[in-house]
Protein backbone atom coordinates (compact mmCIF):
# COMPACT_ATOMS: atom_id res chain seq x y z
CA MET A 1 67.96 -14.37 -37.36
CA SER A 2 66.52 -16.33 -34.40
CA SER A 3 68.46 -17.65 -31.40
CA LEU A 4 69.03 -21.05 -32.82
CA GLY A 5 70.41 -20.22 -36.34
CA LYS A 6 72.99 -17.26 -34.22
CA ILE A 7 73.70 -20.33 -32.24
CA CYS A 8 74.83 -22.16 -35.60
CA CYS A 9 76.51 -19.25 -36.79
CA VAL A 10 78.99 -18.76 -33.56
CA VAL A 11 79.32 -23.24 -34.35
CA ALA A 12 80.13 -22.78 -38.16
CA ILE A 13 82.21 -19.43 -37.25
CA VAL A 14 84.57 -21.57 -34.28
CA GLY A 15 84.93 -24.58 -36.78
CA SER A 16 86.38 -22.04 -39.55
CA LEU A 17 88.18 -20.28 -37.04
CA ALA A 18 89.61 -23.85 -36.40
CA ALA A 19 90.56 -24.66 -39.48
CA GLY A 20 92.71 -21.64 -40.32
CA ILE A 21 94.30 -22.21 -36.84
CA PHE A 22 95.41 -25.58 -37.83
CA GLY A 23 96.40 -24.70 -41.73
CA PHE A 24 98.70 -21.61 -39.48
CA LEU A 25 99.81 -24.27 -37.38
CA THR A 26 100.80 -27.24 -40.05
CA ALA A 27 102.06 -24.77 -42.75
CA LYS A 28 104.38 -23.15 -40.54
CA GLU A 29 106.05 -26.48 -38.97
CA ARG A 30 105.86 -29.80 -41.41
CA THR A 31 108.22 -31.69 -38.93
CA GLY A 32 106.62 -34.72 -37.41
CA TYR A 33 102.86 -34.23 -38.67
CA TYR A 34 102.09 -38.21 -39.37
CA ASP A 35 103.57 -38.82 -36.17
CA ARG A 36 101.17 -36.44 -34.55
CA LEU A 37 98.49 -36.76 -36.77
CA GLU A 38 96.59 -40.08 -35.00
CA LYS A 39 96.89 -37.44 -32.27
CA SER A 40 95.42 -34.68 -34.90
CA VAL A 41 92.56 -36.83 -35.92
CA ALA A 42 91.25 -37.83 -32.78
CA ALA A 43 91.18 -34.40 -31.38
CA ILE A 44 89.18 -33.46 -34.78
CA LYS A 45 86.71 -35.98 -34.19
CA GLY A 46 85.48 -34.64 -30.88
CA PHE A 47 84.98 -31.12 -32.69
CA PRO A 48 81.61 -31.48 -33.86
CA ASN A 49 82.60 -29.83 -37.35
CA GLN A 50 85.20 -31.50 -38.36
CA ALA A 51 88.12 -29.32 -39.71
CA SER A 52 89.60 -29.48 -43.32
CA TYR A 53 93.54 -30.05 -43.67
CA SER A 54 96.09 -31.06 -46.30
CA PRO A 55 98.70 -33.48 -45.93
CA ASP A 56 100.87 -30.97 -47.70
CA VAL A 57 101.52 -28.63 -45.03
CA LYS A 58 104.58 -28.58 -42.59
CA THR A 59 103.81 -29.32 -38.61
CA ALA A 60 105.82 -27.50 -35.58
CA ALA A 61 105.65 -29.73 -32.69
CA ASP A 62 102.18 -30.82 -30.50
CA GLU A 63 100.61 -27.45 -31.41
CA PRO A 64 98.17 -28.37 -33.72
CA ALA A 65 96.58 -31.18 -31.48
CA MET A 66 96.47 -29.05 -28.76
CA THR A 67 95.12 -25.89 -30.42
CA LEU A 68 92.30 -28.73 -31.74
CA GLY A 69 91.80 -30.04 -28.34
CA LYS A 70 90.93 -26.37 -27.32
CA VAL A 71 88.76 -25.93 -30.15
CA ALA A 72 87.26 -29.60 -29.34
CA GLY A 73 86.61 -28.20 -25.99
CA GLN A 74 85.28 -25.07 -26.24
CA ALA A 75 83.27 -26.19 -29.39
CA LYS A 76 81.17 -28.75 -26.98
CA LYS A 77 80.58 -26.15 -24.64
CA THR A 78 78.95 -24.66 -26.88
CA LEU A 79 76.79 -27.27 -28.27
CA ASP A 80 76.09 -28.30 -24.64
CA GLU A 81 75.26 -24.85 -24.39
CA ARG A 82 73.61 -24.91 -27.75
CA ASN A 83 71.10 -28.01 -26.43
CA LYS A 84 70.39 -26.50 -23.32
CA PHE A 85 69.19 -23.71 -24.97
CA GLU A 86 66.92 -25.65 -27.13
CA THR A 87 65.54 -27.76 -24.32
CA ASP A 88 64.97 -23.81 -22.52
CA LEU A 89 63.85 -22.64 -25.74
CA GLY A 90 61.07 -25.40 -26.02
CA GLU A 91 59.99 -24.91 -21.99
CA THR A 92 59.69 -21.50 -23.16
CA LYS A 93 57.90 -22.30 -26.39
CA THR A 94 55.63 -23.60 -24.01
CA LYS A 95 55.09 -21.15 -21.40
CA LEU A 96 54.29 -18.98 -24.75
CA ALA A 97 51.77 -21.08 -25.77
CA GLU A 98 49.99 -20.90 -22.67
CA SER A 99 50.96 -17.37 -22.27
CA GLU A 100 48.64 -17.03 -25.17
CA SER A 101 46.39 -19.03 -24.17
CA GLN A 102 46.26 -17.23 -21.23
CA VAL A 103 45.77 -13.67 -22.91
CA GLN A 104 42.93 -14.81 -25.45
CA LYS A 105 41.34 -15.87 -22.00
CA LEU A 106 41.46 -12.82 -21.13
CA THR A 107 40.69 -10.73 -24.49
CA THR A 108 37.58 -12.79 -24.11
CA ASP A 109 37.26 -12.06 -20.81
CA TYR A 110 38.05 -8.29 -21.35
CA THR A 111 35.50 -8.25 -23.87
CA SER A 112 32.38 -9.15 -22.46
CA THR A 113 33.46 -6.59 -19.38
CA LYS A 114 34.03 -4.44 -22.05
CA LYS A 115 30.46 -4.80 -22.93
CA ASP A 116 28.62 -5.59 -19.85
CA LEU A 117 30.64 -1.84 -19.05
CA ASP A 118 28.98 -0.70 -21.79
CA GLU A 119 25.09 -1.98 -20.83
CA LYS A 120 25.50 -0.52 -17.17
CA THR A 121 27.07 2.94 -18.85
CA GLU A 122 24.31 3.23 -20.90
CA ALA A 123 21.56 2.32 -17.84
CA LEU A 124 23.57 4.51 -15.84
CA THR A 125 22.80 7.65 -18.40
CA LYS A 126 19.23 6.59 -18.40
CA ALA A 127 18.77 6.54 -14.62
CA ALA A 128 20.73 9.94 -14.83
CA ALA A 129 17.78 11.18 -17.41
CA ASP A 130 15.42 9.84 -15.26
CA LEU A 131 16.14 11.27 -11.92
CA GLN A 132 16.71 14.77 -13.35
CA VAL A 133 13.64 14.58 -14.81
CA ALA A 134 11.99 13.29 -11.33
CA SER A 135 13.92 16.45 -10.06
CA THR A 136 12.01 18.89 -12.46
CA GLU A 137 8.78 17.08 -11.92
CA LEU A 138 9.89 16.92 -7.75
CA LYS A 139 10.15 20.74 -7.98
CA ASP A 140 7.08 21.42 -9.78
CA LEU A 141 5.75 20.17 -7.35
CA LYS A 142 7.03 22.00 -4.56
CA ASP A 143 6.23 24.49 -6.26
CA LYS A 144 2.58 23.83 -6.79
CA LEU A 145 2.87 22.89 -3.07
CA GLY A 146 3.22 26.10 -1.61
CA GLY A 147 5.85 25.69 0.28
CA ARG A 148 3.56 22.58 2.22
CA SER A 149 5.62 19.56 2.65
CA ILE A 150 4.55 16.38 1.63
CA ASP A 151 4.02 14.96 5.16
CA GLU A 152 1.56 17.55 5.52
CA MET A 153 0.03 17.55 1.75
CA VAL A 154 -0.35 13.84 3.29
CA LYS A 155 -2.16 14.02 6.41
CA ASP A 156 -4.35 16.47 4.62
CA LEU A 157 -5.28 13.28 2.15
CA ASP A 158 -5.20 11.21 5.12
CA GLU A 159 -7.92 13.63 6.82
CA ALA A 160 -10.01 14.29 3.68
CA THR A 161 -10.41 10.60 2.57
CA GLU A 162 -11.65 9.76 6.42
CA LYS A 163 -13.99 12.74 6.05
CA SER A 164 -14.75 11.00 2.60
CA LYS A 165 -15.56 7.96 4.06
CA ALA A 166 -17.14 9.48 6.87
CA LEU A 167 -19.66 11.91 4.18
CA ALA A 168 -20.02 8.43 2.15
CA VAL A 169 -21.53 6.51 5.80
CA GLU A 170 -23.84 9.47 6.34
CA LYS A 171 -25.24 10.28 2.75
CA LYS A 172 -25.73 6.15 2.68
CA ILE A 173 -28.25 6.83 5.75
CA VAL A 174 -30.09 9.78 4.84
CA ASP A 175 -30.29 8.16 1.29
CA ASP A 176 -31.24 5.02 3.39
CA ALA A 177 -33.51 7.73 4.90
CA LEU A 178 -35.41 9.25 2.29
CA ALA A 179 -35.45 6.05 0.09
CA LYS A 180 -37.70 4.83 2.78
CA ALA A 181 -39.54 7.99 3.05
CA SER A 182 -40.23 8.20 -0.54
CA ALA A 183 -41.50 4.29 0.14
CA GLU A 184 -43.63 5.44 3.23
CA LEU A 185 -44.89 8.54 1.24
CA ALA A 186 -45.99 6.61 -1.90
CA GLN A 187 -47.36 3.60 0.33
CA ALA A 188 -49.14 6.68 2.63
CA ARG A 189 -50.74 7.92 -0.66
CA GLU A 190 -51.64 5.06 -1.71
CA LEU A 191 -53.29 4.38 1.07
CA LEU A 192 -54.98 7.78 0.30
CA ASP A 193 -55.72 6.99 -2.98
CA HIS A 194 -57.22 3.59 -1.86
CA LYS A 195 -59.36 5.22 0.77
CA THR A 196 -60.47 8.31 -0.79
CA LYS A 197 -62.29 5.98 -3.04
CA GLY A 198 -63.17 2.99 -1.02
CA THR A 199 -61.01 0.44 -2.62
CA ALA A 200 -58.29 -1.94 -2.39
CA PRO A 201 -55.57 -3.32 -4.51
CA LEU A 202 -57.28 -6.39 -6.44
CA ASP A 203 -55.22 -8.94 -5.94
CA MET A 204 -55.14 -7.86 -2.10
CA SER A 205 -56.35 -11.07 -0.21
CA GLY A 206 -56.29 -12.51 3.50
CA ARG A 207 -58.04 -14.65 5.84
CA VAL A 208 -60.48 -14.29 9.25
CA ALA A 209 -58.32 -14.47 12.34
CA SER A 210 -61.34 -13.60 15.19
CA ILE A 211 -64.52 -13.35 15.29
CA ASN A 212 -66.39 -10.91 17.83
CA LYS A 213 -70.29 -12.07 18.33
CA GLN A 214 -71.58 -9.59 20.56
CA TRP A 215 -70.16 -6.71 18.83
CA ASN A 216 -70.68 -8.30 15.66
CA PHE A 217 -67.32 -7.51 13.70
CA VAL A 218 -63.73 -9.55 12.74
CA VAL A 219 -60.71 -9.22 12.55
CA LEU A 220 -57.80 -10.37 9.77
CA ASP A 221 -54.75 -10.99 9.15
CA VAL A 222 -54.09 -8.30 6.29
CA GLY A 223 -53.23 -4.28 7.32
CA LYS A 224 -51.91 -1.35 5.58
CA ASN A 225 -48.64 -3.03 4.67
CA ASP A 226 -51.20 -4.96 2.06
CA LYS A 227 -52.76 -1.60 1.59
CA LEU A 228 -55.65 -2.26 3.16
CA VAL A 229 -57.64 0.80 4.47
CA GLU A 230 -60.10 2.31 6.30
CA GLY A 231 -64.18 1.75 4.87
CA VAL A 232 -63.16 -0.91 2.48
CA GLU A 233 -65.75 -3.63 1.37
CA LEU A 234 -64.30 -7.27 1.11
CA THR A 235 -66.08 -10.30 0.88
CA VAL A 236 -65.76 -13.42 2.62
CA TYR A 237 -65.95 -16.53 0.79
CA ARG A 238 -65.83 -20.23 2.39
CA GLY A 239 -64.02 -22.55 -0.48
CA ASN A 240 -66.14 -21.47 -3.95
CA GLN A 241 -69.58 -20.58 -1.55
CA LEU A 242 -70.02 -16.56 -0.98
CA VAL A 243 -70.36 -16.25 2.84
CA GLY A 244 -71.11 -12.35 2.61
CA LYS A 245 -69.58 -9.04 3.21
CA ILE A 246 -67.69 -6.91 5.84
CA ARG A 247 -66.71 -3.02 6.04
CA THR A 248 -62.91 -2.37 7.19
CA VAL A 249 -63.22 0.17 10.68
CA ASP A 250 -60.15 -0.30 12.08
CA VAL A 251 -56.18 -0.82 10.21
CA GLU A 252 -53.27 -1.42 11.55
CA ALA A 253 -49.79 -2.58 9.24
CA LYS A 254 -50.81 -6.23 9.99
CA THR A 255 -54.58 -6.37 10.99
CA ALA A 256 -57.48 -4.65 10.68
CA ILE A 257 -61.27 -4.91 12.45
CA ALA A 258 -64.21 -4.69 9.90
CA ASP A 259 -67.42 -5.08 11.08
CA ILE A 260 -70.03 -7.50 9.21
CA ILE A 261 -72.92 -6.77 7.00
CA PRO A 262 -76.08 -8.43 8.53
CA ASP A 263 -78.09 -7.37 5.27
CA LEU A 264 -75.50 -8.80 2.90
CA THR A 265 -74.08 -12.14 4.65
CA PRO A 266 -76.62 -14.95 4.56
CA LEU A 267 -74.09 -17.23 6.48
CA GLU A 268 -72.03 -17.73 9.59
CA ILE A 269 -68.47 -16.39 8.81
CA GLN A 270 -65.80 -18.56 10.69
CA VAL A 271 -61.69 -18.57 11.35
CA GLY A 272 -60.06 -19.42 8.25
CA ASP A 273 -62.41 -17.87 5.31
CA LYS A 274 -60.84 -16.32 2.70
CA VAL A 275 -61.57 -12.46 2.88
CA LEU A 276 -60.77 -10.67 -0.78
CA TYR A 277 -61.35 -7.20 -2.65
C-alpha cells in the first residue's frame, strides 16, 4: 500500500473513531443535546469527514462538542500533514525522475565504457601475445649471436658496410681501368691488323694540316684515334679532283706524317685538301 493510501486509511479510522466516541457520549447522556447541537455541528464542520449522529441519542453536558473539537483539531493536523506529505511526495517524484534520468545516463556511459574497456583488454591481450612472440624471437637471435650484443653486431655491420662501399669504389676503378684497357687492347689489335694489312677504316677521312715541300711530306689532322697506322696509302682530293697519293710514316694519337708519292701525285698538294683511304 502506498503512503498516500495509508494516510487516507488513517483519516478514515480517525473519522470512524470520532463517530464512535460521539455515539458513545450521546448515548450516555441525552440531556441538553439540542442546546449543544449547534456547538457540535460547528465542531463537526471543522472535521474533514463529518461523523454521523442520531437525534435520538441522549447527550451529556459539553463532552460531545469538546471531544469533537479535539478530534476535528487532530483531523485538521492530520490533513495538513497529509498535504505536506503530498507536496513532499511530489518533490520526491520529481527528484526520482531526475535520478532515473541520471541512472539512465550512467547506464549508457557504463555500457560505452565497458565496450571501450573490452576493446582495450582485447588489444592488450594481443599486445601481450605479440610481446611473447617478440621475446621468443629475441632469445633465438641472441642464441644465434653467440653471446655478442646487438651493439657489437651493429658495429660489425657498419664496418662491413663501409668496407663494402670501399670495395665497390675500388671495383668501379678496376672495372673502369679494365674497360679502358680492353678498349685500348681492342684498338691496338685493330691497329695492328690495319698495319699488318696496310689498310685503314673505309670511312676514315681527314685534311692536310701543313706541308713541308723541302722534305716532301705533309701533316694530317687524323691519327691513331681514327684507326690510322703507319704504311697506309691515302688518296688526296680537292673537291672532286684527284690530287695525288701519300703514305703514312709516323702516326700519333691525333696527327700523322705522310710522305708524298711523286709518281702518283700529278698536282701540287695544298693545305686543306681532303684525305681518304
